[in-house]
Amino acid sequence: MPHRPLARALAALVALCTAALGAVLTPGTAQAAAVNYVALGDSYSSGVGAGPYDLSSCLRSQKSYAPLWAAANAVSSFQFAACGGAVTSDVINNQVSSLSTSTTLVTITIGGNDAGFVDVITSCRFGSTSNCTNAVNEAKAFATATLPGRLDATYSAIRNRAPNARLIVLGYPRLFETGSCGLLAMSTYKRTILNEAADVLATVISGRAGAAGATFVDTRPYFAGHGVCAADPWINDISGVIEAYHPDVDGYRHGYLPALTAVTG
């Protein structure tokens, strides 16, 4: 008659060794999957407002959220294709070439320049209230009628080039606090309607990102209380021509980076 306790012990040992050997021989079970990250988009991804910038015309800063996230997560590869001033067609024509079937993560901010971000801000900062109102209304109309098709085409181009990647679309913050801001600041009314335009843009981008199966990241809550006119602003005011109304170093590190980290873990 066999010695049952010994037989059971031997059987358990064999099972343990088999499991250990399987873990060694099965690819990916003992190592985390490689993260091949490509950052696309406009100035809110390239890091305008944070500086210093690279030698390209795209004003890329290593203090933007994308390189900060890549460094914090020790990614396998990182390509920084975002470019200040980019519109959706620039992403399609100049940036998606950075993608491939091995890309596993793509982030992007896009759409603000298509909707005339610079012209709207200029009209409101230096023009009359009526000029500001008209510019904001035109931008909102564009955002709801024309921008959705452009976003769809952009997300489709990304999917075609990087079919295995997770696509994360980050939105834009509200730029302003609406309390007292001094005699030379934009009026409360102008700041309010500009924030309302940001809300419209967020709604449109969120909807099209969802339709494309992408993850939308709403950055507005992360910047709440830190817009222009705040005691501790994370958005540059008019003091810098290039940097005006873009996040500063704190905006990228404490606004955009936590927003991205919240959905990537």
C-alpha atoms as a PDB file:
ATOM      1  CA  MET A   1       0.000   0.000   0.000  1.00  0.00           C
ATOM      2  CA  PRO A   2       1.502   3.448  -0.982  1.00  0.00           C
ATOM      3  CA  HIS A   3       2.373   5.976   1.692  1.00  0.00           C
ATOM      4  CA  ARG A   4      -0.456   8.458   1.087  1.00  0.00           C
ATOM      5  CA  PRO A   5       0.950  11.553   2.837  1.00  0.00           C
ATOM      6  CA  LEU A   6       4.213  11.180   0.931  1.00  0.00           C
ATOM      7  CA  ALA A   7       2.346  10.644  -2.355  1.00  0.00           C
ATOM      8  CA  ARG A   8       0.311  13.761  -1.782  1.00  0.00           C
ATOM      9  CA  ALA A   9       3.434  15.769  -0.968  1.00  0.00           C
ATOM     10  CA  LEU A  10       5.172  14.577  -4.138  1.00  0.00           C
ATOM     11  CA  ALA A  11       2.098  15.397  -6.221  1.00  0.00           C
ATOM     12  CA  ALA A  12       1.968  18.906  -4.753  1.00  0.00           C
ATOM     13  CA  LEU A  13       5.674  19.406  -5.466  1.00  0.00           C
ATOM     14  CA  VAL A  14       5.244  18.325  -9.090  1.00  0.00           C
ATOM     15  CA  ALA A  15       2.305  20.694  -9.528  1.00  0.00           C
ATOM     16  CA  LEU A  16       4.272  23.582  -8.033  1.00  0.00           C
ATOM     17  CA  CYS A  17       7.258  22.956 -10.291  1.00  0.00           C
ATOM     18  CA  THR A  18       5.002  22.673 -13.343  1.00  0.00           C
ATOM     19  CA  ALA A  19       3.336  25.982 -12.539  1.00  0.00           C
ATOM     20  CA  ALA A  20       6.687  27.695 -12.007  1.00  0.00           C
ATOM     21  CA  LEU A  21       8.067  26.324 -15.268  1.00  0.00           C
ATOM     22  CA  GLY A  22       4.935  27.460 -17.116  1.00  0.00           C
ATOM     23  CA  ALA A  23       5.377  30.977 -15.743  1.00  0.00           C
ATOM     24  CA  VAL A  24       8.933  31.067 -17.018  1.00  0.00           C
ATOM     25  CA  LEU A  25       8.086  29.722 -20.451  1.00  0.00           C
ATOM     26  CA  THR A  26       4.902  31.728 -21.045  1.00  0.00           C
ATOM     27  CA  PRO A  27       5.766  35.165 -22.498  1.00  0.00           C
ATOM     28  CA  GLY A  28       4.349  38.159 -20.697  1.00  0.00           C
ATOM     29  CA  THR A  29       3.262  36.447 -17.511  1.00  0.00           C
ATOM     30  CA  ALA A  30       6.214  37.620 -15.458  1.00  0.00           C
ATOM     31  CA  GLN A  31       6.764  40.999 -17.135  1.00  0.00           C
ATOM     32  CA  ALA A  32       4.584  44.034 -17.674  1.00  0.00           C
ATOM     33  CA  ALA A  33       3.593  44.728 -21.251  1.00  0.00           C
ATOM     34  CA  ALA A  34       5.762  47.228 -23.105  1.00  0.00           C
ATOM     35  CA  VAL A  35       4.357  50.750 -23.355  1.00  0.00           C
ATOM     36  CA  ASN A  36       5.171  52.429 -26.656  1.00  0.00           C
ATOM     37  CA  TYR A  37       3.810  55.945 -26.190  1.00  0.00           C
ATOM     38  CA  VAL A  38       3.280  58.641 -28.827  1.00  0.00           C
ATOM     39  CA  ALA A  39       2.057  62.123 -27.862  1.00  0.00           C
ATOM     40  CA  LEU A  40       0.187  63.983 -30.604  1.00  0.00           C
ATOM     41  CA  GLY A  41      -1.648  67.268 -30.685  1.00  0.00           C
ATOM     42  CA  ASP A  42      -1.363  71.032 -30.443  1.00  0.00           C
ATOM     43  CA  SER A  43       0.304  73.524 -28.090  1.00  0.00           C
ATOM     44  CA  TYR A  44      -1.528  72.170 -25.044  1.00  0.00           C
ATOM     45  CA  SER A  45       0.320  68.901 -25.618  1.00  0.00           C
ATOM     46  CA  SER A  46       3.627  70.301 -26.869  1.00  0.00           C
ATOM     47  CA  GLY A  47       3.953  72.303 -23.656  1.00  0.00           C
ATOM     48  CA  VAL A  48       3.615  75.901 -24.793  1.00  0.00           C
ATOM     49  CA  GLY A  49       3.571  78.005 -21.661  1.00  0.00           C
ATOM     50  CA  ALA A  50       5.995  75.841 -19.706  1.00  0.00           C
ATOM     51  CA  GLY A  51       9.288  76.268 -21.588  1.00  0.00           C
ATOM     52  CA  PRO A  52      12.130  75.921 -22.238  1.00  0.00           C
ATOM     53  CA  TYR A  53      11.503  74.728 -25.771  1.00  0.00           C
ATOM     54  CA  ASP A  54      13.369  72.479 -28.170  1.00  0.00           C
ATOM     55  CA  LEU A  55      14.989  73.819 -31.305  1.00  0.00           C
ATOM     56  CA  SER A  56      12.064  72.928 -33.561  1.00  0.00           C
ATOM     57  CA  SER A  57       9.289  75.299 -34.575  1.00  0.00           C
ATOM     58  CA  CYS A  58       6.814  73.224 -32.549  1.00  0.00           C
ATOM     59  CA  LEU A  59       7.707  74.686 -29.144  1.00  0.00           C
ATOM     60  CA  ARG A  60       8.000  71.333 -27.397  1.00  0.00           C
ATOM     61  CA  SER A  61       8.818  71.440 -23.703  1.00  0.00           C
ATOM     62  CA  GLN A  62       9.989  68.581 -21.510  1.00  0.00           C
ATOM     63  CA  LYS A  63       7.783  70.108 -18.812  1.00  0.00           C
ATOM     64  CA  SER A  64       4.621  69.242 -20.725  1.00  0.00           C
ATOM     65  CA  TYR A  65       2.427  66.469 -19.362  1.00  0.00           C
ATOM     66  CA  ALA A  66       3.461  63.938 -22.025  1.00  0.00           C
ATOM     67  CA  PRO A  67       7.215  63.737 -21.289  1.00  0.00           C
ATOM     68  CA  LEU A  68       6.460  63.997 -17.573  1.00  0.00           C
ATOM     69  CA  TRP A  69       4.143  60.984 -17.773  1.00  0.00           C
ATOM     70  CA  ALA A  70       6.604  59.050 -19.928  1.00  0.00           C
ATOM     71  CA  ALA A  71       9.403  59.645 -17.413  1.00  0.00           C
ATOM     72  CA  ALA A  72       7.225  58.702 -14.441  1.00  0.00           C
ATOM     73  CA  ASN A  73       6.111  55.455 -16.056  1.00  0.00           C
ATOM     74  CA  ALA A  74       9.426  54.273 -17.526  1.00  0.00           C
ATOM     75  CA  VAL A  75       7.881  53.599 -20.926  1.00  0.00           C
ATOM     76  CA  SER A  76       9.597  51.370 -23.463  1.00  0.00           C
ATOM     77  CA  SER A  77       9.575  54.131 -26.078  1.00  0.00           C
ATOM     78  CA  PHE A  78       8.300  57.692 -26.300  1.00  0.00           C
ATOM     79  CA  GLN A  79       7.791  59.886 -29.361  1.00  0.00           C
ATOM     80  CA  PHE A  80       6.857  63.538 -28.903  1.00  0.00           C
ATOM     81  CA  ALA A  81       5.108  64.577 -32.124  1.00  0.00           C
ATOM     82  CA  ALA A  82       2.797  67.289 -30.711  1.00  0.00           C
ATOM     83  CA  CYS A  83       3.315  70.713 -32.267  1.00  0.00           C
ATOM     84  CA  GLY A  84       2.265  74.173 -31.191  1.00  0.00           C
ATOM     85  CA  GLY A  85      -0.349  75.677 -33.498  1.00  0.00           C
ATOM     86  CA  ALA A  86      -1.496  72.326 -34.885  1.00  0.00           C
ATOM     87  CA  VAL A  87      -4.975  71.830 -36.285  1.00  0.00           C
ATOM     88  CA  THR A  88      -6.617  68.517 -37.104  1.00  0.00           C
ATOM     89  CA  SER A  89      -5.202  68.418 -40.636  1.00  0.00           C
ATOM     90  CA  ASP A  90      -1.688  68.850 -39.234  1.00  0.00           C
ATOM     91  CA  VAL A  91      -2.169  65.800 -37.056  1.00  0.00           C
ATOM     92  CA  ILE A  92      -3.365  63.769 -40.035  1.00  0.00           C
ATOM     93  CA  ASN A  93      -0.702  65.010 -42.469  1.00  0.00           C
ATOM     94  CA  ASN A  94       2.321  65.416 -40.217  1.00  0.00           C
ATOM     95  CA  GLN A  95       1.916  63.608 -36.921  1.00  0.00           C
ATOM     96  CA  VAL A  96       0.225  60.230 -37.374  1.00  0.00           C
ATOM     97  CA  SER A  97       3.283  59.037 -39.303  1.00  0.00           C
ATOM     98  CA  SER A  98       4.871  58.625 -35.859  1.00  0.00           C
ATOM     99  CA  LEU A  99       2.400  55.812 -35.132  1.00  0.00           C
ATOM    100  CA  SER A 100       2.665  52.130 -35.970  1.00  0.00           C
ATOM    101  CA  THR A 101       1.133  48.786 -35.113  1.00  0.00           C
ATOM    102  CA  SER A 102       3.539  48.571 -32.161  1.00  0.00           C
ATOM    103  CA  THR A 103       2.210  51.799 -30.621  1.00  0.00           C
ATOM    104  CA  THR A 104       0.281  50.973 -27.446  1.00  0.00           C
ATOM    105  CA  LEU A 105      -0.646  54.436 -26.122  1.00  0.00           C
ATOM    106  CA  VAL A 106      -1.584  57.682 -27.884  1.00  0.00           C
ATOM    107  CA  THR A 107      -2.541  60.958 -26.222  1.00  0.00           C
ATOM    108  CA  ILE A 108      -3.808  64.063 -27.959  1.00  0.00           C
ATOM    109  CA  THR A 109      -5.259  67.538 -27.462  1.00  0.00           C
ATOM    110  CA  ILE A 110      -6.708  68.941 -30.675  1.00  0.00           C
ATOM    111  CA  GLY A 111      -9.583  71.068 -31.929  1.00  0.00           C
ATOM    112  CA  GLY A 112      -8.969  74.387 -30.204  1.00  0.00           C
ATOM    113  CA  ASN A 113      -7.053  75.904 -33.097  1.00  0.00           C
ATOM    114  CA  ASP A 114      -9.600  74.622 -35.616  1.00  0.00           C
ATOM    115  CA  ALA A 115     -12.225  76.570 -33.673  1.00  0.00           C
ATOM    116  CA  GLY A 116     -10.123  79.750 -33.857  1.00  0.00           C
ATOM    117  CA  PHE A 117      -8.689  79.825 -30.324  1.00  0.00           C
ATOM    118  CA  VAL A 118      -6.154  82.576 -31.017  1.00  0.00           C
ATOM    119  CA  ASP A 119      -8.540  84.847 -32.899  1.00  0.00           C
ATOM    120  CA  VAL A 120     -11.247  84.490 -30.266  1.00  0.00           C
ATOM    121  CA  ILE A 121      -8.901  85.284 -27.394  1.00  0.00           C
ATOM    122  CA  THR A 122      -7.463  88.249 -29.295  1.00  0.00           C
ATOM    123  CA  SER A 123     -10.927  89.625 -30.064  1.00  0.00           C
ATOM    124  CA  CYS A 124     -11.947  89.354 -26.439  1.00  0.00           C
ATOM    125  CA  ARG A 125      -8.718  90.633 -24.895  1.00  0.00           C
ATOM    126  CA  PHE A 126      -8.314  93.679 -27.125  1.00  0.00           C
ATOM    127  CA  GLY A 127     -11.717  94.206 -28.763  1.00  0.00           C
ATOM    128  CA  SER A 128     -15.080  95.455 -27.660  1.00  0.00           C
ATOM    129  CA  THR A 129     -17.655  93.393 -25.829  1.00  0.00           C
ATOM    130  CA  SER A 130     -19.694  93.003 -29.005  1.00  0.00           C
ATOM    131  CA  ASN A 131     -16.639  91.838 -30.974  1.00  0.00           C
ATOM    132  CA  CYS A 132     -15.875  89.334 -28.271  1.00  0.00           C
ATOM    133  CA  THR A 133     -19.438  88.049 -28.210  1.00  0.00           C
ATOM    134  CA  ASN A 134     -19.500  87.641 -31.989  1.00  0.00           C
ATOM    135  CA  ALA A 135     -16.167  85.819 -32.022  1.00  0.00           C
ATOM    136  CA  VAL A 136     -17.262  83.442 -29.269  1.00  0.00           C
ATOM    137  CA  ASN A 137     -20.575  82.711 -30.993  1.00  0.00           C
ATOM    138  CA  GLU A 138     -18.813  81.973 -34.291  1.00  0.00           C
ATOM    139  CA  ALA A 139     -16.392  79.622 -32.543  1.00  0.00           C
ATOM    140  CA  LYS A 140     -19.231  77.802 -30.774  1.00  0.00           C
ATOM    141  CA  ALA A 141     -21.116  77.414 -34.056  1.00  0.00           C
ATOM    142  CA  PHE A 142     -18.008  76.003 -35.719  1.00  0.00           C
ATOM    143  CA  ALA A 143     -17.390  73.658 -32.815  1.00  0.00           C
ATOM    144  CA  THR A 144     -20.849  72.159 -33.024  1.00  0.00           C
ATOM    145  CA  ALA A 145     -21.285  72.069 -36.817  1.00  0.00           C
ATOM    146  CA  THR A 146     -17.871  71.560 -38.434  1.00  0.00           C
ATOM    147  CA  LEU A 147     -15.424  70.376 -35.807  1.00  0.00           C
ATOM    148  CA  PRO A 148     -17.081  66.987 -35.167  1.00  0.00           C
ATOM    149  CA  GLY A 149     -16.291  65.792 -38.701  1.00  0.00           C
ATOM    150  CA  ARG A 150     -12.697  66.942 -38.403  1.00  0.00           C
ATOM    151  CA  LEU A 151     -12.276  65.161 -35.086  1.00  0.00           C
ATOM    152  CA  ASP A 152     -13.794  61.974 -36.509  1.00  0.00           C
ATOM    153  CA  ALA A 153     -11.313  62.024 -39.385  1.00  0.00           C
ATOM    154  CA  THR A 154      -8.412  62.630 -36.996  1.00  0.00           C
ATOM    155  CA  TYR A 155      -9.308  59.827 -34.609  1.00  0.00           C
ATOM    156  CA  SER A 156      -9.892  57.505 -37.568  1.00  0.00           C
ATOM    157  CA  ALA A 157      -6.429  58.300 -38.955  1.00  0.00           C
ATOM    158  CA  ILE A 158      -4.909  57.514 -35.568  1.00  0.00           C
ATOM    159  CA  ARG A 159      -6.810  54.214 -35.355  1.00  0.00           C
ATOM    160  CA  ASN A 160      -5.700  53.215 -38.835  1.00  0.00           C
ATOM    161  CA  ARG A 161      -2.032  53.816 -38.058  1.00  0.00           C
ATOM    162  CA  ALA A 162      -2.096  52.464 -34.498  1.00  0.00           C
ATOM    163  CA  PRO A 163      -4.831  49.811 -34.323  1.00  0.00           C
ATOM    164  CA  ASN A 164      -3.420  48.287 -31.136  1.00  0.00           C
ATOM    165  CA  ALA A 165      -3.092  51.521 -29.179  1.00  0.00           C
ATOM    166  CA  ARG A 166      -5.237  52.978 -26.452  1.00  0.00           C
ATOM    167  CA  LEU A 167      -6.282  56.468 -27.530  1.00  0.00           C
ATOM    168  CA  ILE A 168      -6.660  59.064 -24.782  1.00  0.00           C
ATOM    169  CA  VAL A 169      -8.130  62.430 -25.742  1.00  0.00           C
ATOM    170  CA  LEU A 170      -7.515  65.226 -23.261  1.00  0.00           C
ATOM    171  CA  GLY A 171      -9.726  68.287 -23.211  1.00  0.00           C
ATOM    172  CA  TYR A 172      -8.985  71.935 -22.524  1.00  0.00           C
ATOM    173  CA  PRO A 173      -9.465  73.730 -19.204  1.00  0.00           C
ATOM    174  CA  ARG A 174     -11.615  76.771 -18.599  1.00  0.00           C
ATOM    175  CA  LEU A 175      -9.157  79.636 -18.837  1.00  0.00           C
ATOM    176  CA  PHE A 176     -10.581  82.078 -16.324  1.00  0.00           C
ATOM    177  CA  GLU A 177     -11.833  82.650 -12.846  1.00  0.00           C
ATOM    178  CA  THR A 178     -14.677  85.146 -12.923  1.00  0.00           C
ATOM    179  CA  GLY A 179     -14.088  87.062  -9.714  1.00  0.00           C
ATOM    180  CA  SER A 180     -12.337  90.398  -9.289  1.00  0.00           C
ATOM    181  CA  CYS A 181      -9.263  90.668 -11.511  1.00  0.00           C
ATOM    182  CA  GLY A 182      -8.105  94.292 -11.576  1.00  0.00           C
ATOM    183  CA  LEU A 183      -8.805  97.232 -13.836  1.00  0.00           C
ATOM    184  CA  LEU A 184      -6.789  96.014 -16.843  1.00  0.00           C
ATOM    185  CA  ALA A 185      -8.304  92.528 -16.970  1.00  0.00           C
ATOM    186  CA  MET A 186     -11.074  91.341 -19.257  1.00  0.00           C
ATOM    187  CA  SER A 187     -14.529  91.973 -17.920  1.00  0.00           C
ATOM    188  CA  THR A 188     -16.357  89.305 -15.973  1.00  0.00           C
ATOM    189  CA  TYR A 189     -18.773  88.990 -18.886  1.00  0.00           C
ATOM    190  CA  LYS A 190     -16.006  88.295 -21.408  1.00  0.00           C
ATOM    191  CA  ARG A 191     -14.365  85.759 -19.128  1.00  0.00           C
ATOM    192  CA  THR A 192     -17.686  84.059 -18.521  1.00  0.00           C
ATOM    193  CA  ILE A 193     -18.589  83.614 -22.185  1.00  0.00           C
ATOM    194  CA  LEU A 194     -15.080  82.370 -22.950  1.00  0.00           C
ATOM    195  CA  ASN A 195     -15.473  79.739 -20.240  1.00  0.00           C
ATOM    196  CA  GLU A 196     -18.850  78.810 -21.717  1.00  0.00           C
ATOM    197  CA  ALA A 197     -17.166  78.336 -25.091  1.00  0.00           C
ATOM    198  CA  ALA A 198     -14.654  76.013 -23.415  1.00  0.00           C
ATOM    199  CA  ASP A 199     -17.581  73.998 -22.072  1.00  0.00           C
ATOM    200  CA  VAL A 200     -19.059  73.668 -25.552  1.00  0.00           C
ATOM    201  CA  LEU A 201     -15.703  72.535 -26.916  1.00  0.00           C
ATOM    202  CA  ALA A 202     -15.373  69.967 -24.127  1.00  0.00           C
ATOM    203  CA  THR A 203     -18.817  68.571 -24.888  1.00  0.00           C
ATOM    204  CA  VAL A 204     -18.060  68.216 -28.597  1.00  0.00           C
ATOM    205  CA  ILE A 205     -14.627  66.640 -28.097  1.00  0.00           C
ATOM    206  CA  SER A 206     -15.943  64.272 -25.439  1.00  0.00           C
ATOM    207  CA  GLY A 207     -18.749  63.118 -27.708  1.00  0.00           C
ATOM    208  CA  ARG A 208     -16.545  62.452 -30.715  1.00  0.00           C
ATOM    209  CA  ALA A 209     -13.863  60.754 -28.601  1.00  0.00           C
ATOM    210  CA  GLY A 210     -16.508  58.458 -27.166  1.00  0.00           C
ATOM    211  CA  ALA A 211     -17.817  57.642 -30.644  1.00  0.00           C
ATOM    212  CA  ALA A 212     -14.278  56.678 -31.660  1.00  0.00           C
ATOM    213  CA  GLY A 213     -13.883  54.377 -28.669  1.00  0.00           C
ATOM    214  CA  ALA A 214     -11.301  56.661 -27.089  1.00  0.00           C
ATOM    215  CA  THR A 215     -10.989  57.695 -23.461  1.00  0.00           C
ATOM    216  CA  PHE A 216     -11.866  61.351 -22.889  1.00  0.00           C
ATOM    217  CA  VAL A 217     -10.153  63.171 -20.036  1.00  0.00           C
ATOM    218  CA  ASP A 218     -11.960  66.278 -18.812  1.00  0.00           C
ATOM    219  CA  THR A 219      -9.268  68.607 -17.485  1.00  0.00           C
ATOM    220  CA  ARG A 220     -11.655  71.329 -16.310  1.00  0.00           C
ATOM    221  CA  PRO A 221     -12.040  69.975 -12.760  1.00  0.00           C
ATOM    222  CA  TYR A 222      -8.271  69.774 -12.348  1.00  0.00           C
ATOM    223  CA  PHE A 223      -7.822  73.457 -13.191  1.00  0.00           C
ATOM    224  CA  ALA A 224     -10.806  74.684 -11.176  1.00  0.00           C
ATOM    225  CA  GLY A 225      -9.728  77.597  -8.999  1.00  0.00           C
ATOM    226  CA  HIS A 226      -6.466  77.999 -10.923  1.00  0.00           C
ATOM    227  CA  GLY A 227      -7.487  79.921 -14.030  1.00  0.00           C
ATOM    228  CA  VAL A 228      -6.377  83.404 -14.988  1.00  0.00           C
ATOM    229  CA  CYS A 229      -7.353  85.820 -12.186  1.00  0.00           C
ATOM    230  CA  ALA A 230      -6.947  83.162  -9.492  1.00  0.00           C
ATOM    231  CA  ALA A 231      -4.727  83.715  -6.469  1.00  0.00           C
ATOM    232  CA  ASP A 232      -2.626  80.776  -7.713  1.00  0.00           C
ATOM    233  CA  PRO A 233      -3.113  80.673 -11.498  1.00  0.00           C
ATOM    234  CA  TRP A 234      -1.922  77.718 -13.568  1.00  0.00           C
ATOM    235  CA  ILE A 235      -2.740  79.524 -16.818  1.00  0.00           C
ATOM    236  CA  ASN A 236      -0.524  82.263 -18.246  1.00  0.00           C
ATOM    237  CA  ASP A 237      -2.158  85.641 -18.777  1.00  0.00           C
ATOM    238  CA  ILE A 238      -1.183  88.117 -21.495  1.00  0.00           C
ATOM    239  CA  SER A 239       2.278  88.625 -19.976  1.00  0.00           C
ATOM    240  CA  GLY A 240       3.855  86.274 -22.521  1.00  0.00           C
ATOM    241  CA  VAL A 241       2.921  86.619 -26.184  1.00  0.00           C
ATOM    242  CA  ILE A 242       3.551  82.985 -27.095  1.00  0.00           C
ATOM    243  CA  GLU A 243       2.600  81.579 -23.703  1.00  0.00           C
ATOM    244  CA  ALA A 244      -0.553  83.657 -23.201  1.00  0.00           C
ATOM    245  CA  TYR A 245      -3.587  81.607 -22.170  1.00  0.00           C
ATOM    246  CA  HIS A 246      -1.668  78.341 -22.044  1.00  0.00           C
ATOM    247  CA  PRO A 247      -0.880  76.308 -18.923  1.00  0.00           C
ATOM    248  CA  ASP A 248       2.285  77.195 -17.050  1.00  0.00           C
ATOM    249  CA  VAL A 249       4.645  74.671 -15.448  1.00  0.00           C
ATOM    250  CA  ASP A 250       2.178  74.040 -12.603  1.00  0.00           C
ATOM    251  CA  GLY A 251      -0.669  73.674 -15.072  1.00  0.00           C
ATOM    252  CA  TYR A 252       1.037  70.805 -16.848  1.00  0.00           C
ATOM    253  CA  ARG A 253       2.420  69.152 -13.713  1.00  0.00           C
ATOM    254  CA  HIS A 254      -0.537  69.628 -11.367  1.00  0.00           C
ATOM    255  CA  GLY A 255      -3.368  69.876 -13.900  1.00  0.00           C
ATOM    256  CA  TYR A 256      -2.772  67.817 -17.024  1.00  0.00           C
ATOM    257  CA  LEU A 257      -0.435  65.183 -15.567  1.00  0.00           C
ATOM    258  CA  PRO A 258      -2.778  64.095 -12.730  1.00  0.00           C
ATOM    259  CA  ALA A 259      -5.688  64.126 -15.171  1.00  0.00           C
ATOM    260  CA  LEU A 260      -3.844  61.696 -17.448  1.00  0.00           C
ATOM    261  CA  THR A 261      -2.585  59.600 -14.547  1.00  0.00           C
ATOM    262  CA  ALA A 262      -6.137  59.239 -13.251  1.00  0.00           C
ATOM    263  CA  VAL A 263      -7.121  57.212 -16.328  1.00  0.00           C
ATOM    264  CA  THR A 264      -3.868  55.333 -16.864  1.00  0.00           C
ATOM    265  CA  GLY A 265      -3.263  54.215 -13.280  1.00  0.00           C
END
